[in-house]
Amino acid sequence: MTPLRLVFMGTPDFAAPSLKALLDAGHEVVCAYSQPPRPSGRGQQVQKSPVHRFAEEHGILVRTPKSLRTAEAQAEFAALNADAAVVAAYGLILPQPVLDAPRLGCLNVHGSLLPRWRGAAPIQRALLAGDAETGITIMQMDAGLDTGGMLLKGAVPIGPETTASTLHDALAALGAGLIVEALAGLSEGRLTAEPQPEDGVTYAAKLTREDGRLDWTCDAAYVERQVRSLTPWPGCWFDAPTATGTERIKVLKAEPPVPSGPNAAPGTVLDDHLTIACADGAVRLALVQRPGKAPVDGAAFLRGFHLPPGTLLDSTACNAGS
């Protein structure tokens, strides 16, 4: 295909493979837009985003505006005279003048099979909901929240051991291939965007730290999925009772549900391997971490933390259906 003049707009690790694929395909990326450098990590050092770093390493002009709503920012974008803009987890809303500026419009690499899981956290929400599959949709962007017409789709199965990290990497690689294919089809007139169906719309709300709180009044299968879905971020946790209050314990890995036995209230510690009763079944917390300590398995944790069988951990009303 004829190389295109492109603008790339993305921020995290998820987006970098798509930028690399566009360069490998011979396209000219005249500018990369990314979120401004921000404090990150334990030292809170100001760091450039993965896309920002990758673009600079390849000699691509990088812009990091805080907003695209100003006339100046929109004029700068239009002056790039791009054939198309490719957007992947950028993090800023694109106003209509930006959407209209490229000849072929703005294409989004979205991490779900639209219209399911529109919004900010589609990878984690698909896992958390127990979906059998998810995927990538290459979408022609409009002013709505992931409501634009669909150009290409690709599916990825979700298995019993799939984690947010493994699914993220699989979808990032799939998206990189699909965006190159979609640009070729669109520019050559072989692809036309199809409207999203009205049925099956769900929204992937942005994650918060509170989403990581393990709730033993949910089914054990949900709690186990919660750990796979929300590690490493926002991370899963529970409050364990101490002589002076509580201590927040991170849960890095949970084993698939096991029977809880009769009459075990949700939140009950069942054994010396840190198996916790849930509303239906129980989960064994296979890898946990105390504040400032190294991760250990459940049995090792209990040798250093007084949490005997029969202890009842706090629970709240399960929000698994929300």
Protein backbone atom coordinates (compact mmCIF):
# COMPACT_ATOMS: atom_id res chain seq x y z
CA MET A 1 0.00 0.00 0.00
CA THR A 2 1.03 3.63 -0.39
CA PRO A 3 2.65 4.92 2.80
CA LEU A 4 0.40 7.29 4.73
CA ARG A 5 1.22 10.45 6.62
CA LEU A 6 0.06 9.69 10.16
CA VAL A 7 -0.31 11.22 13.59
CA PHE A 8 -0.13 8.76 16.48
CA MET A 9 -1.91 9.47 19.77
CA GLY A 10 -1.25 7.14 22.69
CA THR A 11 0.28 6.94 26.14
CA PRO A 12 0.80 3.56 27.91
CA ASP A 13 2.55 0.28 27.07
CA PHE A 14 -0.62 -0.94 25.36
CA ALA A 15 -0.18 1.65 22.59
CA ALA A 16 3.53 1.25 21.82
CA PRO A 17 3.22 -1.94 19.69
CA SER A 18 0.77 -0.17 17.39
CA LEU A 19 3.19 2.71 16.86
CA LYS A 20 6.00 0.25 16.13
CA ALA A 21 3.80 -1.64 13.64
CA LEU A 22 2.97 1.55 11.75
CA LEU A 23 6.66 2.39 11.41
CA ASP A 24 7.51 -1.17 10.38
CA ALA A 25 4.80 -0.99 7.70
CA GLY A 26 6.54 2.02 6.15
CA HIS A 27 4.14 4.75 7.21
CA GLU A 28 5.41 8.24 8.01
CA VAL A 29 4.49 9.17 11.59
CA VAL A 30 4.92 12.94 11.56
CA CYS A 31 4.00 13.50 15.21
CA ALA A 32 3.16 11.53 18.34
CA TYR A 33 0.78 12.92 20.95
CA SER A 34 1.00 11.57 24.49
CA GLN A 35 0.04 12.49 28.04
CA PRO A 36 2.48 14.89 29.73
CA PRO A 37 5.30 13.41 31.84
CA ARG A 38 4.08 12.66 35.36
CA PRO A 39 5.50 11.48 38.70
CA SER A 40 5.64 7.69 38.82
CA GLY A 41 7.02 4.87 40.92
CA ARG A 42 8.18 4.80 44.51
CA GLY A 43 10.43 7.83 44.12
CA GLN A 44 7.71 9.77 42.29
CA GLN A 45 10.22 10.82 39.66
CA VAL A 46 8.72 12.61 36.66
CA GLN A 47 8.72 10.13 33.78
CA LYS A 48 7.77 10.26 30.12
CA SER A 49 5.12 7.80 28.94
CA PRO A 50 6.10 4.61 27.05
CA VAL A 51 4.82 6.10 23.78
CA HIS A 52 6.71 9.35 24.43
CA ARG A 53 9.96 7.46 24.99
CA PHE A 54 9.48 5.17 21.98
CA ALA A 55 8.68 8.08 19.68
CA GLU A 56 11.74 10.05 20.77
CA GLU A 57 13.95 7.01 20.26
CA HIS A 58 12.73 6.89 16.66
CA GLY A 59 13.12 10.57 15.96
CA ILE A 60 9.42 11.41 15.99
CA LEU A 61 8.22 14.82 17.11
CA VAL A 62 6.30 14.49 20.41
CA ARG A 63 3.60 16.82 21.72
CA THR A 64 2.08 16.55 25.21
CA PRO A 65 -0.76 19.08 25.45
CA LYS A 66 -2.94 19.04 28.54
CA SER A 67 -5.98 19.65 26.35
CA LEU A 68 -6.94 19.65 22.68
CA ARG A 69 -9.85 22.03 23.19
CA THR A 70 -7.96 25.27 22.52
CA ALA A 71 -7.93 26.86 19.08
CA GLU A 72 -4.13 26.87 19.16
CA ALA A 73 -3.88 23.12 19.82
CA GLN A 74 -6.41 22.36 17.09
CA ALA A 75 -4.59 24.58 14.59
CA GLU A 76 -1.29 22.84 15.38
CA PHE A 77 -2.92 19.47 14.85
CA ALA A 78 -4.53 20.48 11.53
CA ALA A 79 -1.23 21.91 10.28
CA LEU A 80 0.28 18.41 10.36
CA ASN A 81 -1.79 17.61 7.24
CA ALA A 82 -2.17 13.97 8.25
CA ASP A 83 -3.91 11.36 6.15
CA ALA A 84 -5.12 9.74 9.37
CA ALA A 85 -4.64 9.77 13.11
CA VAL A 86 -4.26 6.53 15.03
CA VAL A 87 -5.42 6.65 18.66
CA ALA A 88 -4.62 3.96 21.25
CA ALA A 89 -5.28 4.57 24.95
CA TYR A 90 -4.37 8.25 24.59
CA GLY A 91 -6.30 9.64 27.56
CA LEU A 92 -7.65 12.90 26.14
CA ILE A 93 -11.00 13.59 24.49
CA LEU A 94 -10.66 14.53 20.82
CA PRO A 95 -12.93 17.48 19.97
CA GLN A 96 -14.72 17.56 16.64
CA PRO A 97 -12.18 19.83 14.86
CA VAL A 98 -9.45 17.29 15.66
CA LEU A 99 -11.61 14.37 14.54
CA ASP A 100 -12.33 16.14 11.26
CA ALA A 101 -8.79 17.26 10.44
CA PRO A 102 -7.19 14.11 8.94
CA ARG A 103 -8.29 13.11 5.44
CA LEU A 104 -9.27 9.59 6.55
CA GLY A 105 -10.32 10.60 10.05
CA CYS A 106 -9.17 9.23 13.40
CA LEU A 107 -8.96 5.49 14.01
CA ASN A 108 -9.04 4.02 17.50
CA VAL A 109 -7.43 0.76 18.65
CA HIS A 110 -9.95 -0.26 21.33
CA GLY A 111 -9.39 -3.21 23.68
CA SER A 112 -12.78 -4.92 23.46
CA LEU A 113 -15.30 -6.36 21.02
CA LEU A 114 -17.53 -3.33 20.69
CA PRO A 115 -20.21 -2.44 21.62
CA ARG A 116 -19.32 -4.49 24.73
CA TRP A 117 -17.06 -2.63 27.15
CA ARG A 118 -16.97 0.89 25.86
CA GLY A 119 -14.95 3.12 28.14
CA ALA A 120 -11.78 3.30 30.21
CA ALA A 121 -11.01 -0.21 31.49
CA PRO A 122 -12.24 -2.77 28.93
CA ILE A 123 -9.52 -5.37 29.54
CA GLN A 124 -10.08 -5.64 33.28
CA ARG A 125 -13.87 -5.44 33.04
CA ALA A 126 -14.05 -8.31 30.52
CA LEU A 127 -11.97 -10.50 32.83
CA LEU A 128 -13.90 -9.48 35.92
CA ALA A 129 -17.24 -10.26 34.28
CA GLY A 130 -16.13 -13.77 33.35
CA ASP A 131 -16.40 -13.19 29.59
CA ALA A 132 -15.32 -16.16 27.47
CA GLU A 133 -13.57 -13.88 24.99
CA THR A 134 -12.69 -10.30 24.27
CA GLY A 135 -10.67 -8.65 21.53
CA ILE A 136 -9.75 -5.56 19.57
CA THR A 137 -12.02 -3.30 17.56
CA ILE A 138 -10.55 -0.81 15.11
CA MET A 139 -13.08 2.00 15.18
CA GLN A 140 -13.64 5.13 13.14
CA MET A 141 -13.89 7.70 15.92
CA ASP A 142 -16.79 10.09 16.43
CA ALA A 143 -17.68 12.48 19.25
CA GLY A 144 -19.27 9.76 21.43
CA LEU A 145 -17.65 7.47 23.98
CA ASP A 146 -16.40 4.60 21.81
CA THR A 147 -19.55 4.81 19.66
CA GLY A 148 -17.98 5.12 16.20
CA GLY A 149 -18.30 2.76 13.27
CA MET A 150 -16.29 -0.48 13.28
CA LEU A 151 -13.67 -1.26 10.63
CA LEU A 152 -12.09 -4.49 11.87
CA LYS A 153 -12.37 -6.89 14.80
CA GLY A 154 -10.21 -9.65 16.20
CA ALA A 155 -11.04 -11.94 19.14
CA VAL A 156 -8.90 -13.38 21.95
CA PRO A 157 -10.16 -16.19 24.23
CA ILE A 158 -10.19 -15.71 28.00
CA GLY A 159 -9.16 -18.88 29.84
CA PRO A 160 -9.18 -19.87 33.52
CA GLU A 161 -5.58 -18.67 33.96
CA THR A 162 -5.80 -15.48 31.90
CA THR A 163 -4.63 -12.42 33.84
CA ALA A 164 -4.91 -8.72 33.13
CA SER A 165 -1.21 -8.69 32.21
CA THR A 166 -1.34 -11.59 29.75
CA LEU A 167 -4.55 -10.33 28.19
CA HIS A 168 -3.12 -6.80 27.91
CA ASP A 169 -0.09 -8.11 26.00
CA ALA A 170 -2.16 -10.32 23.70
CA LEU A 171 -4.52 -7.48 22.83
CA ALA A 172 -1.70 -4.98 22.31
CA ALA A 173 -0.08 -7.34 19.78
CA LEU A 174 -3.40 -8.05 18.06
CA GLY A 175 -4.21 -4.35 17.84
CA ALA A 176 -0.84 -3.61 16.24
CA GLY A 177 -1.58 -5.99 13.40
CA LEU A 178 -5.19 -4.94 12.94
CA ILE A 179 -4.47 -1.20 12.74
CA VAL A 180 -2.03 -1.72 9.86
CA GLU A 181 -4.61 -3.89 8.09
CA ALA A 182 -7.41 -1.38 8.72
CA LEU A 183 -5.41 1.56 7.38
CA ALA A 184 -4.64 -0.36 4.21
CA GLY A 185 -8.27 -1.32 3.69
CA LEU A 186 -9.57 2.18 4.43
CA SER A 187 -7.07 4.01 2.22
CA GLU A 188 -7.64 1.61 -0.68
CA GLY A 189 -11.42 1.76 -0.38
CA ARG A 190 -11.81 -1.90 0.62
CA LEU A 191 -13.10 -1.21 4.14
CA THR A 192 -16.14 0.77 5.22
CA ALA A 193 -17.03 1.43 8.83
CA GLU A 194 -20.11 -0.45 10.03
CA PRO A 195 -22.35 1.10 12.71
CA GLN A 196 -22.23 -0.56 16.11
CA PRO A 197 -25.35 -2.56 17.02
CA GLU A 198 -27.64 -1.04 19.59
CA ASP A 199 -27.89 -4.30 21.54
CA GLY A 200 -25.11 -5.50 23.81
CA VAL A 201 -23.74 -2.13 24.93
CA THR A 202 -21.85 -2.22 28.24
CA TYR A 203 -19.56 0.33 29.87
CA ALA A 204 -16.11 -0.33 31.33
CA ALA A 205 -16.00 2.17 34.16
CA LYS A 206 -12.63 3.56 35.22
CA LEU A 207 -10.98 1.54 37.97
CA THR A 208 -10.34 2.88 41.46
CA ARG A 209 -8.35 1.47 44.37
CA GLU A 210 -11.61 0.55 46.09
CA ASP A 211 -12.39 -1.86 43.24
CA GLY A 212 -9.54 -4.00 44.56
CA ARG A 213 -11.16 -4.63 47.94
CA LEU A 214 -11.94 -8.35 48.17
CA ASP A 215 -15.51 -8.98 49.23
CA TRP A 216 -16.09 -12.43 50.68
CA THR A 217 -19.88 -12.09 50.26
CA CYS A 218 -19.30 -12.55 46.52
CA ASP A 219 -18.97 -16.00 44.96
CA ALA A 220 -15.51 -17.53 45.19
CA ALA A 221 -15.26 -17.63 41.39
CA TYR A 222 -15.74 -13.85 41.27
CA VAL A 223 -13.14 -13.20 43.99
CA GLU A 224 -10.59 -15.34 42.13
CA ARG A 225 -11.32 -13.45 38.89
CA GLN A 226 -10.99 -10.19 40.78
CA VAL A 227 -7.39 -11.02 41.66
CA ARG A 228 -6.54 -12.02 38.07
CA SER A 229 -8.30 -8.92 36.71
CA LEU A 230 -6.99 -6.22 39.01
CA THR A 231 -3.34 -7.23 39.48
CA PRO A 232 -1.07 -5.29 39.19
CA TRP A 233 -3.40 -2.26 39.25
CA PRO A 234 -5.30 -1.18 41.23
CA GLY A 235 -4.32 -4.30 43.15
CA CYS A 236 -6.45 -6.51 45.40
CA TRP A 237 -6.48 -6.38 49.19
CA PHE A 238 -8.28 -7.14 52.42
CA ASP A 239 -8.03 -5.78 55.94
CA ALA A 240 -6.76 -8.29 58.47
CA PRO A 241 -7.46 -7.73 62.18
CA THR A 242 -4.54 -7.00 64.52
CA ALA A 243 -4.25 -6.32 68.23
CA THR A 244 -4.35 -2.58 67.55
CA GLY A 245 -6.68 -2.34 64.54
CA THR A 246 -6.26 -3.70 61.04
CA GLU A 247 -3.47 -4.19 58.51
CA ARG A 248 -4.03 -4.00 54.75
CA ILE A 249 -2.84 -7.17 53.03
CA LYS A 250 -2.26 -7.26 49.27
CA VAL A 251 -3.37 -10.37 47.40
CA LEU A 252 -1.26 -11.09 44.33
CA LYS A 253 -2.55 -14.55 43.43
CA ALA A 254 -5.58 -16.66 44.35
CA GLU A 255 -6.23 -20.29 43.49
CA PRO A 256 -9.45 -21.39 41.77
CA PRO A 257 -12.50 -21.88 43.98
CA VAL A 258 -12.66 -24.85 46.37
CA PRO A 259 -15.52 -26.09 48.57
CA SER A 260 -15.92 -24.10 51.77
CA GLY A 261 -17.54 -26.74 53.91
CA PRO A 262 -20.90 -26.46 55.68
CA ASN A 263 -21.96 -23.41 57.68
CA ALA A 264 -18.86 -21.33 56.97
CA ALA A 265 -19.81 -17.64 56.98
CA PRO A 266 -18.31 -15.53 54.18
CA GLY A 267 -14.96 -14.18 55.31
CA THR A 268 -14.12 -17.09 57.62
CA VAL A 269 -10.48 -18.24 57.64
CA LEU A 270 -10.80 -22.00 57.08
CA ASP A 271 -7.30 -23.40 57.49
CA ASP A 272 -3.58 -22.71 57.88
CA HIS A 273 -3.15 -22.20 54.10
CA LEU A 274 -5.19 -18.97 54.07
CA THR A 275 -8.33 -20.40 52.50
CA ILE A 276 -11.23 -17.96 52.92
CA ALA A 277 -14.93 -18.84 52.76
CA CYS A 278 -17.01 -16.88 50.27
CA ALA A 279 -20.74 -16.76 49.53
CA ASP A 280 -20.35 -19.86 47.36
CA GLY A 281 -17.17 -21.89 47.79
CA ALA A 282 -13.85 -20.59 49.03
CA VAL A 283 -10.60 -19.20 47.62
CA ARG A 284 -7.07 -19.98 48.71
CA LEU A 285 -4.88 -16.88 48.78
CA ALA A 286 -1.73 -18.24 47.19
CA LEU A 287 0.47 -15.13 47.25
CA VAL A 288 0.04 -12.22 49.66
CA GLN A 289 2.09 -9.26 50.82
CA ARG A 290 2.21 -7.25 54.03
CA PRO A 291 3.15 -3.55 53.86
CA GLY A 292 6.90 -3.19 53.40
CA LYS A 293 7.41 -6.97 53.19
CA ALA A 294 8.17 -9.41 50.37
CA PRO A 295 5.33 -11.50 48.87
CA VAL A 296 4.87 -14.94 50.48
CA ASP A 297 2.47 -17.85 50.12
CA GLY A 298 -0.54 -18.08 52.37
CA ALA A 299 0.94 -20.66 54.75
CA ALA A 300 4.12 -18.62 55.25
CA PHE A 301 2.03 -15.51 55.87
CA LEU A 302 0.08 -17.23 58.62
CA ARG A 303 3.27 -18.36 60.35
CA GLY A 304 4.12 -14.70 60.88
CA PHE A 305 0.65 -13.19 61.29
CA HIS A 306 -1.93 -14.28 63.85
CA LEU A 307 -5.03 -15.17 61.81
CA PRO A 308 -6.22 -18.56 63.14
CA PRO A 309 -8.93 -20.70 61.52
CA GLY A 310 -12.33 -19.41 62.52
CA THR A 311 -11.33 -15.74 62.27
CA LEU A 312 -14.01 -13.74 60.47
CA LEU A 313 -12.75 -11.09 58.05
CA ASP A 314 -14.81 -8.00 57.28
CA SER A 315 -17.12 -8.07 54.27
CA THR A 316 -19.39 -5.61 52.50
CA ALA A 317 -22.31 -6.10 50.16
CA CYS A 318 -21.00 -7.74 47.00
CA ASN A 319 -21.01 -5.48 43.96
CA ALA A 320 -20.18 -8.17 41.42
CA GLY A 321 -23.28 -7.41 39.41
CA SER A 322 -22.58 -3.69 39.04
